[in-house]
Amino acid sequence: MENYLPQVLVSLVSLGMALAFLSADRESRTSQAMAVFLASMGISIEVNIVIGLGLNVPAQYTGWFAIPETVAMIAVLEWILRVRRTVPSRDLDTSFGDRVLRVGQAVAVLYSGLSVAFPVERSQYFLGAMNSPGAFANAYFWLFMSVVLFVQLCGFFAILLLLRRRPDMPERIRILAISAAIPFFVAAFILPLEVNGIVMIAGLMVFLLGAVQYHVMQGERGAFMSRFLSPQVAQIVRERGLKQAMQQNNLEITVVCCDIRGFTPYAQSHPSQIVIRVLREYYEAVGKVVAEFGGTIKDFAGDGILILYGAPLPIDDYGRKALAMARGIRDAGRVVTRQWSDEKQALGLGVGVASGFVTVGIIGAGARFEYTAVGPAVNLASRLCEKARDGEILVDQRTVELAGETGLESRDPLAVKGFGEPVPLFALQTA
């Protein structure tokens, strides 16, 4: 057994990597395929070398040992297929590349058939062929090798078609990593026992480096995008799981909406680079206030920002605190609008606040999900924001009741689409 220690270690590494891929993202079909590939490769080493050679199993019975190798070939092509389906096609026809992979998988099955039919020839002329004088001149070597090379070429061809779609950098890295690793695994078939373990470890490390880099870059993207998404949404998914987080809930919350006055003419009269800088500073200023008060930014839409207060996580005294947050948003936003106002166009900020029962939850499919809220309070806050003048916070009656606020200026009721009667209205003027 000591002679086969390198192969045992390679097998354990391969099985460990399979478990890591599966446990890290067990719902991902891509990770599932990669786990099957790595596990099959580890099992193949065990049965062909540790069992087959270690226990001196007669060659005529070892043809069945080719099944894990076949499963590994099918699984790696399946991995490529599933990666292809995660990359936008850019109006290219992807069916041909997918069919090539299916043909490669069908040919991989032929490898097991040949191994069962010619087990002695597989052991004598193909496995470890470099140790067998004259093996390369034998027809049986090329019979088995042609099948393995054909499967490999199918994978490479599908990868080349995938690269035509210009996938983003993380996808390219893991695609190129598997492309570089596959030749190591193929070479291990024919290399002497003394070196094939080293070659397989090298192939695993090449792929592992690419996979780690892929996940690091995806993690950096997630960290970057989390600046624009609510940490409360991330918390509820982390604590309760995506399935439970996607369940709809009907609860009363306060909705705050703000947007910039005079933004459209400002955008028309200024370079786009300036407009982007204004929005960036505006988003950052409002985002800091929202984070301080524990609100949830639902939408950035141009110069408009929609904030939920009291969802997805409940907040005590949400009406009063949301109104205090609205004041902070107004003050922070006006600092930005005053800074960027000029003789061409003055900018300002209006805020609308409304409370009521809404239905909240995570919706979406595939790779895109969104936390949403639906209800009259959302529409009312948006309408109040539209009517608010620079520095003004318009508030509905329910929010005033929840906040216990006094001293607000009463305004004429506002007719709002979807409401049977005009809505009582109050204004919180700027100091």
Protein backbone atom coordinates (compact mmCIF):
# COMPACT_ATOMS: atom_id res chain seq x y z
CA MET A 1 0.00 0.00 0.00
CA GLU A 2 2.94 2.31 0.69
CA ASN A 3 3.81 2.33 -3.01
CA TYR A 4 0.47 3.89 -3.73
CA LEU A 5 0.55 6.59 -1.05
CA PRO A 6 0.75 9.47 -3.60
CA GLN A 7 -2.31 8.13 -5.39
CA VAL A 8 -4.18 7.75 -2.09
CA LEU A 9 -3.39 11.37 -1.26
CA VAL A 10 -4.55 12.54 -4.70
CA SER A 11 -7.77 10.61 -4.23
CA LEU A 12 -8.40 12.18 -0.83
CA VAL A 13 -7.68 15.68 -2.17
CA SER A 14 -10.06 15.11 -5.05
CA LEU A 15 -12.81 13.80 -2.78
CA GLY A 16 -12.23 16.68 -0.35
CA MET A 17 -12.55 19.23 -3.15
CA ALA A 18 -15.77 17.54 -4.28
CA LEU A 19 -17.20 17.86 -0.78
CA ALA A 20 -16.09 21.50 -0.59
CA PHE A 21 -17.84 22.41 -3.85
CA LEU A 22 -21.00 20.62 -2.82
CA SER A 23 -21.20 22.02 0.70
CA ALA A 24 -20.37 25.57 -0.39
CA ASP A 25 -23.24 25.81 -2.86
CA ARG A 26 -25.30 22.64 -2.84
CA GLU A 27 -28.20 24.24 -4.74
CA SER A 28 -26.02 25.21 -7.71
CA ARG A 29 -26.24 22.80 -10.63
CA THR A 30 -22.77 23.93 -11.70
CA SER A 31 -21.28 23.06 -8.31
CA GLN A 32 -23.12 19.74 -8.33
CA ALA A 33 -21.55 18.79 -11.68
CA MET A 34 -18.08 19.79 -10.49
CA ALA A 35 -18.52 17.79 -7.28
CA VAL A 36 -19.47 14.70 -9.28
CA PHE A 37 -16.43 15.17 -11.54
CA LEU A 38 -13.98 15.48 -8.64
CA ALA A 39 -15.55 12.66 -6.63
CA SER A 40 -15.55 10.33 -9.65
CA MET A 41 -11.92 11.12 -10.31
CA GLY A 42 -11.02 10.31 -6.70
CA ILE A 43 -12.98 7.06 -6.83
CA SER A 44 -11.34 6.16 -10.14
CA ILE A 45 -7.90 6.42 -8.56
CA GLU A 46 -8.97 4.24 -5.66
CA VAL A 47 -10.48 1.43 -7.74
CA ASN A 48 -7.92 1.39 -10.56
CA ILE A 49 -4.72 1.81 -8.58
CA VAL A 50 -5.28 1.17 -4.88
CA ILE A 51 -7.68 -1.73 -5.41
CA GLY A 52 -6.81 -2.92 -8.92
CA LEU A 53 -3.04 -2.89 -8.54
CA GLY A 54 -2.78 -3.04 -4.76
CA LEU A 55 -4.89 -6.18 -4.51
CA ASN A 56 -3.63 -7.64 -7.80
CA VAL A 57 -7.11 -7.92 -9.28
CA PRO A 58 -6.92 -9.94 -12.52
CA ALA A 59 -6.98 -7.67 -15.56
CA GLN A 60 -10.00 -9.39 -17.08
CA TYR A 61 -12.13 -8.10 -14.18
CA THR A 62 -10.90 -4.50 -14.21
CA GLY A 63 -12.96 -3.31 -17.18
CA TRP A 64 -15.72 -2.25 -14.81
CA PHE A 65 -13.23 0.01 -13.05
CA ALA A 66 -13.55 2.37 -16.02
CA ILE A 67 -17.05 3.45 -14.94
CA PRO A 68 -15.83 6.18 -12.51
CA GLU A 69 -13.59 7.55 -15.29
CA THR A 70 -16.58 7.67 -17.62
CA VAL A 71 -18.68 9.44 -15.01
CA ALA A 72 -15.86 11.97 -14.52
CA MET A 73 -15.72 12.70 -18.26
CA ILE A 74 -19.49 13.10 -18.47
CA ALA A 75 -19.54 15.33 -15.37
CA VAL A 76 -16.83 17.72 -16.56
CA LEU A 77 -18.67 18.20 -19.87
CA GLU A 78 -21.87 18.74 -17.88
CA TRP A 79 -20.05 21.39 -15.84
CA ILE A 80 -19.02 23.19 -19.02
CA LEU A 81 -22.59 22.96 -20.30
CA ARG A 82 -24.02 24.47 -17.13
CA VAL A 83 -21.44 27.26 -17.08
CA ARG A 84 -22.40 28.02 -20.68
CA ARG A 85 -26.01 28.43 -19.59
CA THR A 86 -25.06 31.05 -16.98
CA VAL A 87 -23.35 33.30 -19.53
CA PRO A 88 -25.52 35.63 -21.68
CA SER A 89 -25.60 34.43 -25.29
CA ARG A 90 -25.36 37.94 -26.83
CA ASP A 91 -27.78 36.90 -29.60
CA LEU A 92 -25.53 33.98 -30.58
CA ASP A 93 -26.95 30.53 -31.30
CA THR A 94 -25.79 28.34 -28.40
CA SER A 95 -27.50 25.12 -29.42
CA PHE A 96 -24.59 23.81 -31.51
CA GLY A 97 -22.08 24.04 -28.66
CA ASP A 98 -24.54 22.32 -26.33
CA ARG A 99 -25.04 19.50 -28.83
CA VAL A 100 -21.27 19.05 -29.13
CA LEU A 101 -21.08 18.53 -25.38
CA ARG A 102 -23.92 15.99 -25.49
CA VAL A 103 -22.11 14.09 -28.25
CA GLY A 104 -18.95 14.12 -26.12
CA GLN A 105 -20.90 12.66 -23.21
CA ALA A 106 -22.30 9.91 -25.43
CA VAL A 107 -18.79 9.04 -26.65
CA ALA A 108 -17.60 8.97 -23.03
CA VAL A 109 -20.06 6.12 -22.42
CA LEU A 110 -18.32 4.27 -25.25
CA TYR A 111 -15.13 4.32 -23.14
CA SER A 112 -16.79 2.13 -20.51
CA GLY A 113 -18.13 -0.19 -23.18
CA LEU A 114 -14.69 -0.64 -24.69
CA SER A 115 -13.15 -1.16 -21.26
CA VAL A 116 -15.61 -3.93 -20.40
CA ALA A 117 -15.12 -5.51 -23.82
CA PHE A 118 -11.31 -5.28 -23.77
CA PRO A 119 -10.25 -5.11 -20.10
CA VAL A 120 -6.88 -6.79 -20.58
CA GLU A 121 -5.96 -4.58 -23.54
CA ARG A 122 -6.96 -1.46 -21.55
CA SER A 123 -4.68 -2.47 -18.67
CA GLN A 124 -1.80 -3.58 -20.86
CA TYR A 125 -1.69 -1.00 -23.66
CA PHE A 126 -3.52 2.11 -22.41
CA LEU A 127 -3.22 2.71 -18.65
CA GLY A 128 0.39 3.63 -17.92
CA ALA A 129 1.21 3.21 -21.60
CA MET A 130 4.54 5.00 -21.21
CA ASN A 131 5.72 2.05 -19.11
CA SER A 132 4.76 -0.48 -21.82
CA PRO A 133 7.24 -0.81 -24.70
CA GLY A 134 5.45 -0.60 -28.03
CA ALA A 135 2.15 0.51 -26.51
CA PHE A 136 1.94 3.62 -28.72
CA ALA A 137 2.17 1.42 -31.81
CA ASN A 138 -0.67 -0.81 -30.66
CA ALA A 139 -4.16 -0.35 -32.11
CA TYR A 140 -5.79 -0.83 -28.72
CA PHE A 141 -3.91 2.17 -27.31
CA TRP A 142 -5.31 4.41 -30.02
CA LEU A 143 -8.75 2.88 -29.68
CA PHE A 144 -8.98 4.04 -26.08
CA MET A 145 -6.95 7.21 -26.56
CA SER A 146 -9.06 8.39 -29.48
CA VAL A 147 -12.19 8.21 -27.32
CA VAL A 148 -10.55 10.20 -24.49
CA LEU A 149 -9.14 12.80 -26.90
CA PHE A 150 -12.48 13.17 -28.65
CA VAL A 151 -14.20 13.88 -25.32
CA GLN A 152 -11.49 16.40 -24.49
CA LEU A 153 -11.83 18.13 -27.88
CA CYS A 154 -15.60 18.40 -27.44
CA GLY A 155 -15.02 20.21 -24.18
CA PHE A 156 -12.40 22.53 -25.67
CA PHE A 157 -14.59 23.32 -28.68
CA ALA A 158 -17.56 24.21 -26.44
CA ILE A 159 -15.28 26.40 -24.32
CA LEU A 160 -14.04 28.26 -27.42
CA LEU A 161 -17.63 28.92 -28.45
CA LEU A 162 -18.33 30.13 -24.93
CA LEU A 163 -15.39 32.55 -25.01
CA ARG A 164 -16.90 34.09 -28.16
CA ARG A 165 -19.66 35.46 -25.93
CA ARG A 166 -17.03 37.49 -24.08
CA PRO A 167 -17.92 36.35 -20.56
CA ASP A 168 -16.85 38.60 -17.71
CA MET A 169 -13.47 38.19 -16.02
CA PRO A 170 -14.46 35.77 -13.20
CA GLU A 171 -16.15 33.43 -15.68
CA ARG A 172 -13.15 33.55 -18.03
CA ILE A 173 -10.81 32.69 -15.19
CA ARG A 174 -12.62 29.53 -14.14
CA ILE A 175 -13.23 28.49 -17.76
CA LEU A 176 -9.55 28.88 -18.62
CA ALA A 177 -8.59 27.10 -15.39
CA ILE A 178 -10.51 23.94 -16.30
CA SER A 179 -9.11 24.17 -19.85
CA ALA A 180 -5.58 24.19 -18.46
CA ALA A 181 -6.30 21.40 -15.95
CA ILE A 182 -7.91 18.87 -18.31
CA PRO A 183 -4.67 18.01 -20.21
CA PHE A 184 -3.07 17.06 -16.87
CA PHE A 185 -5.92 14.63 -16.13
CA VAL A 186 -5.75 13.13 -19.63
CA ALA A 187 -1.97 12.71 -19.40
CA ALA A 188 -2.41 10.82 -16.11
CA PHE A 189 -3.99 7.93 -18.05
CA ILE A 190 -0.77 7.03 -19.82
CA LEU A 191 1.97 8.29 -17.48
CA PRO A 192 3.99 5.90 -15.32
CA LEU A 193 2.64 5.25 -11.85
CA GLU A 194 5.60 7.08 -10.30
CA VAL A 195 4.59 10.45 -11.75
CA ASN A 196 0.89 10.32 -12.55
CA GLY A 197 -0.03 11.28 -8.97
CA ILE A 198 2.10 14.41 -9.23
CA VAL A 199 0.55 15.30 -12.57
CA MET A 200 -2.99 14.88 -11.25
CA ILE A 201 -2.20 17.04 -8.21
CA ALA A 202 -0.84 19.69 -10.58
CA GLY A 203 -4.08 19.59 -12.57
CA LEU A 204 -6.17 19.88 -9.41
CA MET A 205 -4.11 22.84 -8.20
CA VAL A 206 -4.45 24.63 -11.55
CA PHE A 207 -8.20 24.29 -11.41
CA LEU A 208 -8.33 25.14 -7.70
CA LEU A 209 -6.40 28.37 -8.28
CA GLY A 210 -8.89 29.39 -10.95
CA ALA A 211 -11.87 28.42 -8.81
CA VAL A 212 -10.56 30.34 -5.79
CA GLN A 213 -9.87 33.41 -7.92
CA TYR A 214 -13.39 33.15 -9.36
CA HIS A 215 -14.98 33.07 -5.90
CA VAL A 216 -12.74 35.88 -4.62
CA MET A 217 -13.77 38.14 -7.49
CA GLN A 218 -17.42 37.20 -7.04
CA GLY A 219 -17.09 37.97 -3.35
CA GLU A 220 -15.60 41.38 -4.15
CA ARG A 221 -18.54 42.02 -6.45
CA GLY A 222 -20.94 41.02 -3.72
CA ALA A 223 -19.23 43.36 -1.26
CA PHE A 224 -19.41 46.18 -3.80
CA MET A 225 -23.08 45.54 -4.60
CA SER A 226 -23.94 45.31 -0.90
CA ARG A 227 -23.26 49.04 -0.72
CA PHE A 228 -26.35 49.54 -2.85
CA LEU A 229 -28.54 46.90 -1.20
CA SER A 230 -30.11 46.85 2.22
CA PRO A 231 -28.09 45.06 4.91
CA GLN A 232 -31.44 44.17 6.49
CA VAL A 233 -32.37 42.11 3.44
CA ALA A 234 -29.01 40.32 3.60
CA GLN A 235 -29.54 39.69 7.30
CA ILE A 236 -32.99 38.18 6.88
CA VAL A 237 -31.72 35.87 4.12
CA ARG A 238 -28.71 34.87 6.22
CA GLU A 239 -30.74 34.20 9.37
CA ARG A 240 -33.89 32.68 7.89
CA GLY A 241 -32.78 31.38 4.50
CA LEU A 242 -33.89 32.52 1.05
CA LYS A 243 -37.01 30.34 0.98
CA GLN A 244 -38.44 31.81 4.17
CA ALA A 245 -37.28 35.32 3.26
CA MET A 246 -39.25 35.09 0.02
CA GLN A 247 -42.49 34.49 1.88
CA GLN A 248 -44.81 37.47 1.64
CA ASN A 249 -45.79 39.41 4.74
CA ASN A 250 -48.51 42.01 5.24
CA LEU A 251 -47.49 44.64 7.79
CA GLU A 252 -47.70 48.34 8.49
CA ILE A 253 -44.59 50.34 7.74
CA THR A 254 -43.59 53.90 6.90
CA VAL A 255 -42.39 54.71 3.39
CA VAL A 256 -40.11 57.66 2.68
CA CYS A 257 -39.51 58.94 -0.85
CA CYS A 258 -37.17 61.74 -1.90
CA ASP A 259 -36.02 63.22 -5.19
CA ILE A 260 -34.12 66.23 -6.52
CA ARG A 261 -36.00 69.33 -7.66
CA GLY A 262 -34.86 70.67 -11.02
CA PHE A 263 -32.87 67.57 -11.84
CA THR A 264 -34.20 66.99 -15.38
CA PRO A 265 -33.25 70.45 -16.74
CA TYR A 266 -29.98 70.22 -14.81
CA ALA A 267 -29.14 66.92 -16.51
CA GLN A 268 -29.98 68.41 -19.90
CA SER A 269 -27.74 71.44 -19.43
CA HIS A 270 -24.69 69.75 -17.85
CA PRO A 271 -22.20 67.09 -19.03
CA SER A 272 -23.10 63.53 -18.10
CA GLN A 273 -19.93 63.23 -15.99
CA ILE A 274 -21.15 66.06 -13.76
CA VAL A 275 -24.62 64.55 -13.50
CA ILE A 276 -23.17 61.20 -12.41
CA ARG A 277 -21.06 62.91 -9.74
CA VAL A 278 -24.12 64.70 -8.40
CA LEU A 279 -26.06 61.43 -8.19
CA ARG A 280 -23.14 59.61 -6.61
CA GLU A 281 -22.77 62.19 -3.85
CA TYR A 282 -26.55 62.38 -3.41
CA TYR A 283 -26.89 58.60 -3.10
CA GLU A 284 -24.02 58.46 -0.64
CA ALA A 285 -25.38 61.27 1.53
CA VAL A 286 -28.90 59.81 1.67
CA GLY A 287 -27.53 56.27 2.13
CA LYS A 288 -25.56 57.28 5.23
CA VAL A 289 -28.67 58.72 6.87
CA VAL A 290 -30.76 55.66 5.98
CA ALA A 291 -28.09 53.31 7.37
CA GLU A 292 -27.86 55.37 10.57
CA PHE A 293 -31.59 55.01 11.19
CA GLY A 294 -31.81 51.38 10.04
CA GLY A 295 -34.02 51.95 7.00
CA THR A 296 -34.06 49.84 3.86
CA ILE A 297 -33.43 51.42 0.46
CA LYS A 298 -35.73 49.67 -1.96
CA ASP A 299 -35.02 51.61 -5.15
CA PHE A 300 -32.60 54.04 -6.72
CA ALA A 301 -34.42 55.41 -9.76
CA GLY A 302 -32.56 58.33 -11.31
CA ASP A 303 -32.81 61.12 -8.76
CA GLY A 304 -35.55 59.33 -6.80
CA ILE A 305 -34.91 57.12 -3.76
CA LEU A 306 -37.57 54.95 -2.11
CA ILE A 307 -36.95 53.87 1.48
CA LEU A 308 -38.87 51.39 3.63
CA TYR A 309 -38.93 51.81 7.39
CA GLY A 310 -40.13 48.85 9.43
CA ALA A 311 -39.40 46.15 6.86
CA PRO A 312 -37.97 43.60 6.33
CA LEU A 313 -37.02 43.76 10.02
CA PRO A 314 -39.57 45.26 12.42
CA ILE A 315 -38.71 48.54 14.14
CA ASP A 316 -40.40 49.89 17.24
CA ASP A 317 -41.92 53.37 16.99
CA TYR A 318 -41.32 53.28 13.23
CA GLY A 319 -43.51 56.32 12.45
CA ARG A 320 -41.60 58.72 14.70
CA LYS A 321 -38.19 57.36 13.75
CA ALA A 322 -39.03 57.43 10.03
CA LEU A 323 -40.01 61.08 10.30
CA ALA A 324 -36.71 61.83 12.03
CA MET A 325 -34.95 59.96 9.22
CA ALA A 326 -36.84 62.07 6.66
CA ARG A 327 -35.51 65.22 8.32
CA GLY A 328 -31.98 63.83 8.16
CA ILE A 329 -32.40 62.90 4.49
CA ARG A 330 -33.68 66.38 3.67
CA ASP A 331 -30.80 68.10 5.46
CA ALA A 332 -28.10 65.84 3.99
CA GLY A 333 -29.60 65.97 0.50
CA ARG A 334 -29.88 69.73 0.49
CA VAL A 335 -26.18 70.06 1.30
CA VAL A 336 -25.45 68.19 -1.93
CA THR A 337 -28.02 70.09 -4.04
CA ARG A 338 -26.79 73.47 -2.83
CA GLN A 339 -23.19 72.50 -3.57
CA TRP A 340 -24.00 71.57 -7.17
CA SER A 341 -26.47 74.34 -7.97
CA ASP A 342 -25.17 77.01 -10.34
CA GLU A 343 -26.33 79.92 -12.47
CA LYS A 344 -27.67 77.52 -15.08
CA GLN A 345 -29.95 75.55 -12.79
CA ALA A 346 -30.76 75.50 -9.08
CA LEU A 347 -31.29 72.15 -7.43
CA GLY A 348 -33.42 71.29 -4.42
CA LEU A 349 -34.83 68.32 -2.55
CA GLY A 350 -38.40 67.25 -1.74
CA VAL A 351 -39.49 64.45 0.60
CA GLY A 352 -42.76 62.53 0.97
CA VAL A 353 -43.67 60.29 3.92
CA ALA A 354 -46.65 57.91 4.20
CA SER A 355 -47.58 54.98 6.44
CA GLY A 356 -49.88 52.05 5.96
CA PHE A 357 -50.16 48.31 5.42
CA VAL A 358 -48.13 46.89 2.54
CA THR A 359 -47.19 43.45 1.28
CA VAL A 360 -43.44 42.88 1.39
CA GLY A 361 -41.20 40.03 0.27
CA ILE A 362 -38.42 38.90 -2.02
CA ILE A 363 -39.44 38.27 -5.60
CA GLY A 364 -37.48 37.15 -8.64
CA ALA A 365 -36.16 34.15 -10.51
CA GLY A 366 -32.86 32.75 -11.70
CA ALA A 367 -29.97 34.99 -10.69
CA ARG A 368 -31.95 38.17 -9.97
CA PHE A 369 -33.96 38.84 -6.83
CA GLU A 370 -35.45 42.02 -5.45
CA TYR A 371 -36.99 42.98 -2.14
CA THR A 372 -40.26 44.73 -2.91
CA ALA A 373 -43.19 46.37 -1.18
CA VAL A 374 -46.65 46.79 -2.67
CA GLY A 375 -49.45 48.85 -1.18
CA PRO A 376 -51.16 52.27 -1.09
CA ALA A 377 -48.53 53.72 1.26
CA VAL A 378 -45.81 53.24 -1.36
CA ASN A 379 -47.82 55.08 -4.02
CA LEU A 380 -48.85 57.82 -1.59
CA ALA A 381 -45.28 58.53 -0.45
CA SER A 382 -44.23 58.86 -4.08
CA ARG A 383 -47.09 61.27 -4.85
CA LEU A 384 -46.34 63.37 -1.77
CA CYS A 385 -42.71 63.55 -2.82
CA GLU A 386 -43.75 64.84 -6.25
CA LYS A 387 -45.75 67.64 -4.62
CA ALA A 388 -43.13 68.66 -2.05
CA ARG A 389 -41.23 71.88 -2.68
CA ASP A 390 -37.50 72.28 -2.04
CA GLY A 391 -36.78 71.66 1.63
CA GLU A 392 -40.32 70.49 2.32
CA ILE A 393 -41.45 67.21 3.83
CA LEU A 394 -45.05 66.27 3.07
CA VAL A 395 -46.56 63.77 5.51
CA ASP A 396 -49.81 61.82 5.49
CA GLN A 397 -52.17 61.71 8.44
CA ARG A 398 -51.34 58.13 9.50
CA THR A 399 -47.66 59.01 9.94
CA VAL A 400 -48.58 62.05 12.03
CA GLU A 401 -50.70 59.78 14.25
CA LEU A 402 -47.92 57.21 14.63
CA ALA A 403 -45.24 59.83 15.31
CA GLY A 404 -47.36 61.92 17.68
CA GLU A 405 -45.96 64.91 15.84
CA THR A 406 -47.39 68.35 16.60
CA GLY A 407 -46.87 71.72 15.00
CA LEU A 408 -47.00 70.49 11.40
CA GLU A 409 -48.64 72.79 8.90
CA SER A 410 -51.96 71.45 7.66
CA ARG A 411 -52.40 71.53 3.89
CA ASP A 412 -55.40 71.12 1.64
CA PRO A 413 -56.28 67.44 1.10
CA LEU A 414 -54.62 65.91 -1.94
CA ALA A 415 -56.48 63.92 -4.58
CA VAL A 416 -54.49 60.74 -5.21
CA LYS A 417 -55.24 58.09 -7.81
CA GLY A 418 -56.41 54.89 -6.12
CA PHE A 419 -57.79 56.68 -3.06
CA GLY A 420 -61.54 57.23 -2.91
CA GLU A 421 -61.31 60.59 -1.15
CA PRO A 422 -58.69 63.37 -1.02
CA VAL A 423 -55.88 62.51 1.40
CA PRO A 424 -55.31 64.74 4.48
CA LEU A 425 -51.90 66.34 4.19
CA PHE A 426 -49.36 67.94 6.51
CA ALA A 427 -46.09 69.74 5.83
CA LEU A 428 -42.88 69.89 7.82
CA GLN A 429 -41.14 73.06 6.67
CA THR A 430 -37.40 73.48 6.61
CA ALA A 431 -35.83 75.67 9.24
